[in-house]
Protein backbone atom coordinates (compact mmCIF):
# COMPACT_ATOMS: atom_id res chain seq x y z
CA MET A 1 -15.52 -0.77 13.65
CA ALA A 2 -14.36 2.82 14.32
CA ASP A 3 -12.97 3.14 10.79
CA LEU A 4 -16.41 2.19 9.40
CA VAL A 5 -18.62 3.87 11.99
CA ASP A 6 -17.23 6.12 14.67
CA PRO A 7 -19.41 5.69 17.79
CA ARG A 8 -18.14 8.99 19.16
CA VAL A 9 -20.07 10.84 16.44
CA LEU A 10 -23.37 9.30 17.50
CA ALA A 11 -22.53 9.88 21.16
CA ALA A 12 -21.81 13.55 20.37
CA LEU A 13 -25.14 13.78 18.53
CA ALA A 14 -26.93 12.35 21.56
CA ALA A 15 -25.19 14.88 23.81
CA GLU A 16 -26.01 17.75 21.46
CA LEU A 17 -29.65 16.74 21.27
CA GLN A 18 -29.68 15.97 24.99
CA ASP A 19 -31.64 12.88 24.01
CA PRO A 20 -29.92 9.53 23.52
CA ALA A 21 -33.17 7.99 22.24
CA ALA A 22 -33.32 10.55 19.42
CA ALA A 23 -29.77 9.66 18.38
CA VAL A 24 -30.76 5.98 18.35
CA THR A 25 -33.78 6.77 16.21
CA ILE A 26 -31.61 8.67 13.75
CA ALA A 27 -29.18 5.74 13.53
CA ARG A 28 -32.04 3.29 13.05
CA LEU A 29 -33.57 5.41 10.30
CA TYR A 30 -30.19 5.69 8.61
CA ARG A 31 -29.82 1.92 8.73
CA GLU A 32 -33.36 1.34 7.41
CA ASN A 33 -32.91 3.72 4.46
CA LEU A 34 -29.29 3.04 3.49
CA GLU A 35 -29.82 0.19 1.03
CA ARG A 36 -32.68 2.07 -0.65
CA ARG A 37 -30.51 5.17 -1.05
CA VAL A 38 -27.65 3.14 -2.49
CA ALA A 39 -30.02 1.45 -4.96
CA ARG A 40 -31.34 4.87 -6.02
CA LEU A 41 -27.77 6.04 -6.60
CA ASP A 42 -27.01 2.98 -8.75
CA THR A 43 -30.17 3.50 -10.77
CA ALA A 44 -29.59 7.24 -11.21
CA CYS A 45 -26.01 6.70 -12.33
CA GLY A 46 -27.08 3.92 -14.70
CA GLN A 47 -29.72 6.21 -16.24
CA GLU A 48 -27.40 9.24 -16.17
CA ASP A 49 -29.96 11.14 -14.12
CA LEU A 50 -27.85 13.96 -12.75
CA GLU A 51 -30.49 15.53 -10.50
CA THR A 52 -31.35 12.29 -8.71
CA ALA A 53 -27.74 11.11 -8.53
CA MET A 54 -26.61 14.39 -6.98
CA ASP A 55 -29.56 14.42 -4.57
CA VAL A 56 -28.83 10.89 -3.37
CA THR A 57 -25.08 11.52 -3.16
CA LEU A 58 -25.60 14.60 -1.00
CA SER A 59 -28.10 12.72 1.15
CA LEU A 60 -25.65 9.85 1.65
CA LYS A 61 -22.83 12.23 2.55
CA VAL A 62 -24.86 14.15 5.11
CA THR A 63 -26.66 11.24 6.74
CA SER A 64 -23.49 9.14 6.87
CA ALA A 65 -21.62 11.98 8.55
CA THR A 66 -24.48 12.47 11.02
CA VAL A 67 -24.27 8.89 12.32
CA GLY A 68 -20.50 8.59 12.02
CA ALA A 69 -20.44 6.25 9.01
CA LEU A 70 -17.17 7.79 7.92
CA ALA A 71 -16.08 5.20 5.34
CA LEU A 72 -19.38 5.38 3.50
CA ARG A 73 -19.37 9.18 3.68
CA SER A 74 -15.91 9.15 2.13
CA CYS A 75 -17.11 6.88 -0.68
CA ALA A 76 -20.11 9.12 -1.34
CA GLN A 77 -17.84 12.18 -1.45
CA ARG A 78 -15.95 10.60 -4.36
CA VAL A 79 -19.15 10.37 -6.44
CA GLU A 80 -19.87 14.09 -6.43
CA PRO A 81 -16.92 15.40 -8.51
CA SER A 82 -17.61 12.79 -11.20
CA LEU A 83 -21.22 13.89 -11.35
CA ALA A 84 -20.23 17.55 -11.51
CA ALA A 85 -17.87 16.78 -14.39
CA GLY A 86 -20.49 14.72 -16.24
CA ASP A 87 -18.16 11.70 -16.09
CA TRP A 88 -20.68 8.89 -15.80
CA VAL A 89 -18.07 6.12 -16.08
CA SER A 90 -16.27 7.48 -13.00
CA ALA A 91 -19.58 8.20 -11.24
CA ARG A 92 -20.71 4.60 -11.72
CA SER A 93 -17.35 3.36 -10.45
CA ALA A 94 -17.58 5.59 -7.38
CA ALA A 95 -21.19 4.49 -6.82
CA ALA A 96 -19.99 0.87 -6.95
CA ALA A 97 -17.58 1.69 -4.11
CA VAL A 98 -20.53 3.07 -2.11
CA ARG A 99 -22.43 -0.15 -2.76
CA ALA A 100 -19.39 -2.23 -1.76
CA ALA A 101 -19.04 -0.35 1.54
CA THR A 102 -22.72 -0.75 2.40
CA PRO A 103 -22.79 -4.29 3.91
CA ALA A 104 -19.91 -3.61 6.29
CA THR A 105 -21.44 -0.27 7.25
CA LEU A 106 -24.77 -1.95 8.00
CA GLY A 107 -22.97 -4.52 10.15
CA ALA A 108 -21.13 -1.79 12.05
CA ILE A 109 -24.37 0.13 12.63
CA ASP A 110 -26.06 -3.07 13.82
CA ALA A 111 -23.19 -3.71 16.24
CA LEU A 112 -23.38 -0.14 17.48
CA LEU A 113 -27.13 -0.31 18.01
CA GLY A 114 -26.70 -3.56 19.94
CA GLY A 115 -23.75 -2.39 22.03
CA PRO A 116 -23.18 -0.09 24.94
CA LEU A 117 -23.22 3.56 24.00
CA LEU A 118 -24.57 6.44 25.97
CA GLY A 119 -24.70 4.25 29.08
CA ALA A 120 -27.25 1.68 27.86
CA PRO A 121 -27.57 -0.84 25.07
CA LEU A 122 -28.89 1.16 22.11
CA ASP A 123 -31.30 -1.52 20.96
CA ARG A 124 -33.03 -1.28 24.33
CA ALA A 125 -33.22 2.49 24.48
CA PRO A 126 -36.76 3.84 24.17
CA LEU A 127 -37.63 5.43 20.86
CA ALA A 128 -38.34 9.12 20.83
CA GLY A 129 -41.79 10.07 19.82
């Protein structure tokens, strides 16, 4: 799982925030929005919508890095140069790699949220708010 999602990244976020529940909330929100973001990337690349494709790519890179989804972050990083070059064939291919990495990433996030991190099962940690 560590090559898909590195739990140390989320643990470091919890320590930095001094709030494990906030880190859990961030991971849950990432998980809830991931498929929607990937679908937006596919659509934007299919329509050659540079602004949306770049926006979604940057969002995927940053949010994936935040929760430790390193494999998906790496896939998203490969989309950006193709977009910058206006190479839509390569951008669509790179976006397909993001899509392909999504199910395993979701599974790894689910396992992380259900497993021991920060001293308590994450799915039982109270939500911030």
